[in-house]
């Protein structure tokens, strides 16, 4: 087995381990709950569509109307006060923290590997 194969094997093992963490389970659950909530899904889709149209408008050098800005702000506020949306944001933040720690540990492993004089077999 060459070095790349070992790396990919370890990456798959890491992925399996991450999928077993509470952070991942909570994130998946929050995604399911939002997906199962028709009203929340419709609001998120409407917000995304409105955001895309505003970006397109600004891209053409035009300014959004006060009504468009107000509608966007109102919809954004409504979504952000939803308990399911808050759960999604919270679980995403916790998962991101976990992944940041994982990334940092991988970086530490790389640094230690650079400092090591031991040559691993390929």
N, C-alpha and C. Protein backbone atom coordinates (compact mmCIF):
# COMPACT_ATOMS: atom_id res chain seq x y z
N UNK A 1 0.85 -1.18 0.00
CA UNK A 1 0.00 0.00 0.00
C UNK A 1 0.89 1.24 0.00
N UNK A 2 0.65 2.16 -0.94
CA UNK A 2 1.50 3.36 -0.98
C UNK A 2 0.97 4.43 -0.02
N UNK A 3 1.72 5.51 0.09
CA UNK A 3 1.41 6.56 1.06
C UNK A 3 0.04 7.17 0.82
N UNK A 4 -0.29 7.44 -0.44
CA UNK A 4 -1.60 8.04 -0.73
C UNK A 4 -2.74 7.11 -0.33
N UNK A 5 -2.58 5.84 -0.59
CA UNK A 5 -3.62 4.88 -0.20
C UNK A 5 -3.82 4.88 1.31
N UNK A 6 -2.72 4.94 2.06
CA UNK A 6 -2.81 4.99 3.53
C UNK A 6 -3.51 6.26 3.98
N UNK A 7 -3.18 7.38 3.32
CA UNK A 7 -3.82 8.66 3.67
C UNK A 7 -5.33 8.56 3.44
N UNK A 8 -5.72 8.03 2.28
CA UNK A 8 -7.14 7.93 1.96
C UNK A 8 -7.86 6.97 2.90
N UNK A 9 -7.18 5.91 3.29
CA UNK A 9 -7.76 4.97 4.24
C UNK A 9 -7.99 5.64 5.59
N UNK A 10 -6.99 6.41 6.04
CA UNK A 10 -7.12 7.13 7.31
C UNK A 10 -8.22 8.19 7.21
N UNK A 11 -8.33 8.85 6.05
CA UNK A 11 -9.36 9.88 5.86
C UNK A 11 -10.76 9.25 5.96
N UNK A 12 -10.95 8.08 5.37
CA UNK A 12 -12.23 7.39 5.47
C UNK A 12 -12.53 7.00 6.91
N UNK A 13 -11.49 6.54 7.60
CA UNK A 13 -11.65 6.17 9.01
C UNK A 13 -12.04 7.41 9.83
N UNK A 14 -11.40 8.53 9.55
CA UNK A 14 -11.72 9.78 10.24
C UNK A 14 -13.16 10.20 9.93
N UNK A 15 -13.57 10.09 8.68
CA UNK A 15 -14.93 10.42 8.30
C UNK A 15 -15.95 9.57 9.04
N UNK A 16 -15.68 8.28 9.14
CA UNK A 16 -16.59 7.39 9.88
C UNK A 16 -16.67 7.81 11.35
N UNK A 17 -15.52 8.14 11.94
CA UNK A 17 -15.51 8.56 13.34
C UNK A 17 -16.28 9.86 13.53
N UNK A 18 -16.10 10.81 12.62
CA UNK A 18 -16.81 12.08 12.71
C UNK A 18 -18.31 11.86 12.61
N UNK A 19 -18.72 10.94 11.75
CA UNK A 19 -20.16 10.68 11.58
C UNK A 19 -20.79 10.09 12.85
N UNK A 20 -19.98 9.64 13.79
CA UNK A 20 -20.48 9.06 15.04
C UNK A 20 -20.50 10.05 16.19
N UNK A 21 -20.08 11.30 15.94
CA UNK A 21 -20.02 12.29 17.02
C UNK A 21 -21.40 12.90 17.28
N UNK A 22 -21.62 13.36 18.51
CA UNK A 22 -22.88 14.06 18.81
C UNK A 22 -23.06 15.31 17.96
N UNK A 23 -21.98 16.01 17.68
CA UNK A 23 -22.07 17.24 16.87
C UNK A 23 -22.66 16.94 15.49
N UNK A 24 -22.20 15.86 14.88
CA UNK A 24 -22.70 15.48 13.57
C UNK A 24 -24.17 15.03 13.67
N UNK A 25 -24.49 14.26 14.68
CA UNK A 25 -25.87 13.78 14.86
C UNK A 25 -26.83 14.95 15.06
N UNK A 26 -26.44 15.94 15.88
CA UNK A 26 -27.29 17.10 16.11
C UNK A 26 -27.46 17.90 14.81
N UNK A 27 -26.40 18.05 14.05
CA UNK A 27 -26.48 18.79 12.79
C UNK A 27 -27.43 18.08 11.82
N UNK A 28 -27.31 16.78 11.69
CA UNK A 28 -28.19 16.02 10.80
C UNK A 28 -29.63 16.14 11.25
N UNK A 29 -29.86 16.06 12.55
CA UNK A 29 -31.20 16.17 13.09
C UNK A 29 -31.80 17.56 12.80
N UNK A 30 -31.00 18.60 12.98
CA UNK A 30 -31.47 19.97 12.72
C UNK A 30 -31.80 20.15 11.24
N UNK A 31 -30.98 19.58 10.36
CA UNK A 31 -31.27 19.65 8.92
C UNK A 31 -32.58 18.93 8.59
N UNK A 32 -32.79 17.77 9.21
CA UNK A 32 -34.03 17.02 8.97
C UNK A 32 -35.24 17.81 9.45
N UNK A 33 -35.11 18.42 10.63
CA UNK A 33 -36.24 19.17 11.19
C UNK A 33 -36.60 20.37 10.31
N UNK A 34 -35.60 21.07 9.82
CA UNK A 34 -35.86 22.20 8.91
C UNK A 34 -36.48 21.67 7.62
N UNK A 35 -35.94 20.59 7.10
CA UNK A 35 -36.45 20.01 5.86
C UNK A 35 -37.88 19.52 5.99
N UNK A 36 -38.25 19.04 7.18
CA UNK A 36 -39.60 18.54 7.42
C UNK A 36 -40.60 19.66 7.71
N UNK A 37 -40.10 20.84 7.98
CA UNK A 37 -40.96 21.99 8.29
C UNK A 37 -41.23 22.76 6.99
N UNK A 38 -42.41 22.53 6.44
CA UNK A 38 -42.75 23.12 5.14
C UNK A 38 -42.67 24.65 5.18
N UNK A 39 -43.18 25.25 6.23
CA UNK A 39 -43.18 26.71 6.34
C UNK A 39 -41.74 27.26 6.39
N UNK A 40 -40.89 26.61 7.18
CA UNK A 40 -39.49 27.06 7.27
C UNK A 40 -38.78 26.89 5.94
N UNK A 41 -39.05 25.78 5.26
CA UNK A 41 -38.42 25.54 3.96
C UNK A 41 -38.86 26.59 2.95
N UNK A 42 -40.15 26.91 2.95
CA UNK A 42 -40.66 27.93 2.03
C UNK A 42 -40.04 29.29 2.32
N UNK A 43 -39.91 29.63 3.61
CA UNK A 43 -39.30 30.91 3.97
C UNK A 43 -37.84 30.97 3.54
N UNK A 44 -37.11 29.88 3.78
CA UNK A 44 -35.70 29.85 3.38
C UNK A 44 -35.55 29.94 1.87
N UNK A 45 -36.42 29.26 1.13
CA UNK A 45 -36.37 29.34 -0.32
C UNK A 45 -36.70 30.74 -0.81
N UNK A 46 -37.70 31.36 -0.19
CA UNK A 46 -38.08 32.72 -0.56
C UNK A 46 -36.94 33.69 -0.26
N UNK A 47 -36.29 33.51 0.89
CA UNK A 47 -35.17 34.37 1.26
C UNK A 47 -34.03 34.21 0.26
N UNK A 48 -33.73 32.96 -0.10
CA UNK A 48 -32.66 32.70 -1.06
C UNK A 48 -32.98 33.34 -2.42
N UNK A 49 -34.23 33.18 -2.88
CA UNK A 49 -34.62 33.77 -4.16
C UNK A 49 -34.54 35.29 -4.12
N UNK A 50 -34.99 35.87 -3.03
CA UNK A 50 -34.94 37.32 -2.88
C UNK A 50 -33.50 37.80 -2.84
N UNK A 51 -32.65 37.07 -2.12
CA UNK A 51 -31.24 37.43 -2.04
C UNK A 51 -30.60 37.37 -3.42
N UNK A 52 -30.89 36.34 -4.18
CA UNK A 52 -30.34 36.21 -5.53
C UNK A 52 -30.79 37.36 -6.43
N UNK A 53 -32.05 37.74 -6.32
CA UNK A 53 -32.54 38.84 -7.16
C UNK A 53 -31.91 40.17 -6.74
N UNK A 54 -31.69 40.36 -5.45
CA UNK A 54 -31.03 41.59 -4.99
C UNK A 54 -29.58 41.65 -5.44
N UNK A 55 -28.90 40.51 -5.39
CA UNK A 55 -27.51 40.46 -5.85
C UNK A 55 -27.44 40.76 -7.34
N UNK A 56 -28.38 40.19 -8.09
CA UNK A 56 -28.43 40.43 -9.54
C UNK A 56 -28.69 41.91 -9.82
N UNK A 57 -29.60 42.49 -9.05
CA UNK A 57 -29.94 43.90 -9.20
C UNK A 57 -28.72 44.78 -8.96
N UNK A 58 -28.03 44.53 -7.86
CA UNK A 58 -26.83 45.30 -7.51
C UNK A 58 -25.73 45.07 -8.55
N UNK A 59 -25.64 43.84 -9.06
CA UNK A 59 -24.66 43.52 -10.09
C UNK A 59 -24.86 44.32 -11.36
N UNK A 60 -26.12 44.71 -11.62
CA UNK A 60 -26.41 45.55 -12.79
C UNK A 60 -26.22 47.03 -12.48
N UNK A 61 -25.79 47.33 -11.26
CA UNK A 61 -25.56 48.72 -10.88
C UNK A 61 -26.81 49.43 -10.38
N UNK A 62 -27.86 48.68 -10.12
CA UNK A 62 -29.10 49.28 -9.64
C UNK A 62 -29.20 49.11 -8.12
N UNK A 63 -29.99 49.96 -7.51
CA UNK A 63 -30.20 49.89 -6.06
C UNK A 63 -31.54 49.22 -5.77
N UNK A 64 -31.60 48.37 -4.76
CA UNK A 64 -32.88 47.79 -4.38
C UNK A 64 -33.81 48.88 -3.86
N UNK A 65 -35.10 48.66 -4.03
CA UNK A 65 -36.07 49.62 -3.50
C UNK A 65 -36.16 49.45 -1.99
N UNK A 66 -36.75 50.44 -1.37
CA UNK A 66 -36.96 50.36 0.08
C UNK A 66 -37.83 49.17 0.43
N UNK A 67 -38.82 48.90 -0.40
CA UNK A 67 -39.73 47.78 -0.17
C UNK A 67 -38.98 46.45 -0.26
N UNK A 68 -38.09 46.33 -1.24
CA UNK A 68 -37.31 45.10 -1.38
C UNK A 68 -36.40 44.88 -0.18
N UNK A 69 -35.74 45.96 0.25
CA UNK A 69 -34.87 45.87 1.42
C UNK A 69 -35.68 45.52 2.66
N UNK A 70 -36.85 46.12 2.80
CA UNK A 70 -37.71 45.86 3.96
C UNK A 70 -38.19 44.41 3.95
N UNK A 71 -38.61 43.93 2.78
CA UNK A 71 -39.08 42.54 2.68
C UNK A 71 -37.96 41.58 3.04
N UNK A 72 -36.76 41.85 2.54
CA UNK A 72 -35.61 40.99 2.84
C UNK A 72 -35.33 41.00 4.34
N UNK A 73 -35.28 42.18 4.94
CA UNK A 73 -35.01 42.31 6.38
C UNK A 73 -36.06 41.63 7.23
N UNK A 74 -37.34 41.83 6.87
CA UNK A 74 -38.43 41.22 7.63
C UNK A 74 -38.36 39.69 7.56
N UNK A 75 -38.13 39.18 6.36
CA UNK A 75 -38.06 37.73 6.17
C UNK A 75 -36.86 37.15 6.91
N UNK A 76 -35.74 37.84 6.83
CA UNK A 76 -34.53 37.39 7.53
C UNK A 76 -34.77 37.36 9.04
N UNK A 77 -35.40 38.38 9.56
CA UNK A 77 -35.69 38.43 11.00
C UNK A 77 -36.65 37.32 11.41
N UNK A 78 -37.66 37.08 10.60
CA UNK A 78 -38.63 36.03 10.88
C UNK A 78 -37.95 34.67 10.93
N UNK A 79 -37.08 34.41 9.98
CA UNK A 79 -36.36 33.13 9.94
C UNK A 79 -35.44 32.99 11.14
N UNK A 80 -34.72 34.06 11.45
CA UNK A 80 -33.74 34.00 12.53
C UNK A 80 -34.38 33.82 13.90
N UNK A 81 -35.65 34.14 14.04
CA UNK A 81 -36.31 33.95 15.33
C UNK A 81 -36.95 32.57 15.43
N UNK A 82 -36.90 31.80 14.36
CA UNK A 82 -37.45 30.45 14.38
C UNK A 82 -36.57 29.54 15.23
N UNK A 83 -37.18 28.78 16.12
CA UNK A 83 -36.41 27.90 17.00
C UNK A 83 -35.69 26.81 16.20
N UNK A 84 -36.31 26.33 15.13
CA UNK A 84 -35.65 25.30 14.31
C UNK A 84 -34.44 25.88 13.60
N UNK A 85 -34.56 27.10 13.11
CA UNK A 85 -33.43 27.75 12.45
C UNK A 85 -32.30 27.99 13.45
N UNK A 86 -32.66 28.44 14.65
CA UNK A 86 -31.65 28.66 15.69
C UNK A 86 -30.95 27.35 16.05
N UNK A 87 -31.71 26.26 16.10
CA UNK A 87 -31.11 24.95 16.38
C UNK A 87 -30.14 24.56 15.27
N UNK A 88 -30.52 24.85 14.03
CA UNK A 88 -29.64 24.54 12.89
C UNK A 88 -28.35 25.35 12.97
N UNK A 89 -28.47 26.63 13.23
CA UNK A 89 -27.29 27.50 13.32
C UNK A 89 -26.39 27.07 14.47
N UNK A 90 -26.99 26.75 15.60
CA UNK A 90 -26.22 26.31 16.76
C UNK A 90 -25.50 25.00 16.48
N UNK A 91 -26.20 24.04 15.91
CA UNK A 91 -25.57 22.75 15.64
C UNK A 91 -24.50 22.88 14.56
N UNK A 92 -24.71 23.77 13.59
CA UNK A 92 -23.69 24.00 12.56
C UNK A 92 -22.45 24.61 13.19
N UNK A 93 -22.63 25.56 14.10
CA UNK A 93 -21.49 26.19 14.78
C UNK A 93 -20.71 25.16 15.60
N UNK A 94 -21.42 24.29 16.29
CA UNK A 94 -20.73 23.26 17.09
C UNK A 94 -19.98 22.28 16.20
N UNK A 95 -20.58 21.90 15.08
CA UNK A 95 -19.91 20.99 14.14
C UNK A 95 -18.68 21.68 13.54
N UNK A 96 -18.82 22.96 13.20
CA UNK A 96 -17.69 23.71 12.65
C UNK A 96 -16.53 23.78 13.65
N UNK A 97 -16.85 23.93 14.93
CA UNK A 97 -15.81 23.96 15.97
C UNK A 97 -15.09 22.62 16.02
N UNK A 98 -15.86 21.54 15.94
CA UNK A 98 -15.25 20.21 15.92
C UNK A 98 -14.31 20.07 14.73
N UNK A 99 -14.79 20.48 13.56
CA UNK A 99 -13.97 20.34 12.35
C UNK A 99 -12.73 21.23 12.40
N UNK A 100 -12.85 22.38 13.04
CA UNK A 100 -11.69 23.25 13.21
C UNK A 100 -10.64 22.57 14.09
N UNK A 101 -11.09 21.91 15.15
CA UNK A 101 -10.16 21.17 16.02
C UNK A 101 -9.51 20.02 15.26
N UNK A 102 -10.29 19.32 14.44
CA UNK A 102 -9.75 18.22 13.63
C UNK A 102 -8.70 18.77 12.68
N UNK A 103 -9.01 19.86 12.02
CA UNK A 103 -8.06 20.46 11.07
C UNK A 103 -6.78 20.88 11.78
N UNK A 104 -6.95 21.45 12.96
CA UNK A 104 -5.77 21.88 13.74
C UNK A 104 -4.90 20.68 14.10
N UNK A 105 -5.53 19.56 14.50
CA UNK A 105 -4.77 18.35 14.86
C UNK A 105 -4.08 17.76 13.64
N UNK A 106 -4.72 17.81 12.50
CA UNK A 106 -4.06 17.34 11.28
C UNK A 106 -2.84 18.21 11.01
N UNK A 107 -2.99 19.52 11.18
CA UNK A 107 -1.85 20.43 11.01
C UNK A 107 -0.72 20.11 11.97
N UNK A 108 -1.07 19.79 13.22
CA UNK A 108 -0.04 19.41 14.19
C UNK A 108 0.67 18.14 13.75
N UNK A 109 -0.09 17.19 13.24
CA UNK A 109 0.50 15.94 12.75
C UNK A 109 1.45 16.19 11.59
N UNK A 110 1.07 17.11 10.71
CA UNK A 110 1.94 17.44 9.58
C UNK A 110 3.23 18.07 10.08
N UNK A 111 3.11 19.01 11.02
CA UNK A 111 4.31 19.66 11.56
C UNK A 111 5.23 18.64 12.25
N UNK A 112 4.63 17.74 13.02
CA UNK A 112 5.44 16.71 13.69
C UNK A 112 6.10 15.80 12.66
N UNK A 113 5.36 15.49 11.60
CA UNK A 113 5.91 14.66 10.53
C UNK A 113 7.08 15.34 9.84
N UNK A 114 7.01 16.65 9.67
CA UNK A 114 8.11 17.40 9.06
C UNK A 114 9.35 17.37 9.95
N UNK A 115 9.14 17.39 11.26
CA UNK A 115 10.25 17.42 12.20
C UNK A 115 10.86 16.05 12.43
N UNK A 116 10.11 15.02 12.15
CA UNK A 116 10.56 13.66 12.40
C UNK A 116 11.62 13.24 11.39
N UNK A 117 12.60 12.53 11.86
CA UNK A 117 13.64 12.00 10.97
C UNK A 117 13.32 10.57 10.57
N UNK A 118 12.26 10.04 11.12
CA UNK A 118 11.88 8.66 10.81
C UNK A 118 11.17 8.65 9.45
N UNK A 119 11.62 7.81 8.58
CA UNK A 119 11.02 7.68 7.26
C UNK A 119 10.07 6.48 7.31
N UNK A 120 8.78 6.76 7.04
CA UNK A 120 7.79 5.70 7.05
C UNK A 120 7.85 4.92 5.75
N UNK A 121 7.64 3.60 5.81
CA UNK A 121 7.66 2.81 4.58
C UNK A 121 6.48 3.18 3.69
N UNK A 122 6.69 3.11 2.36
CA UNK A 122 5.60 3.44 1.44
C UNK A 122 4.81 2.23 1.08
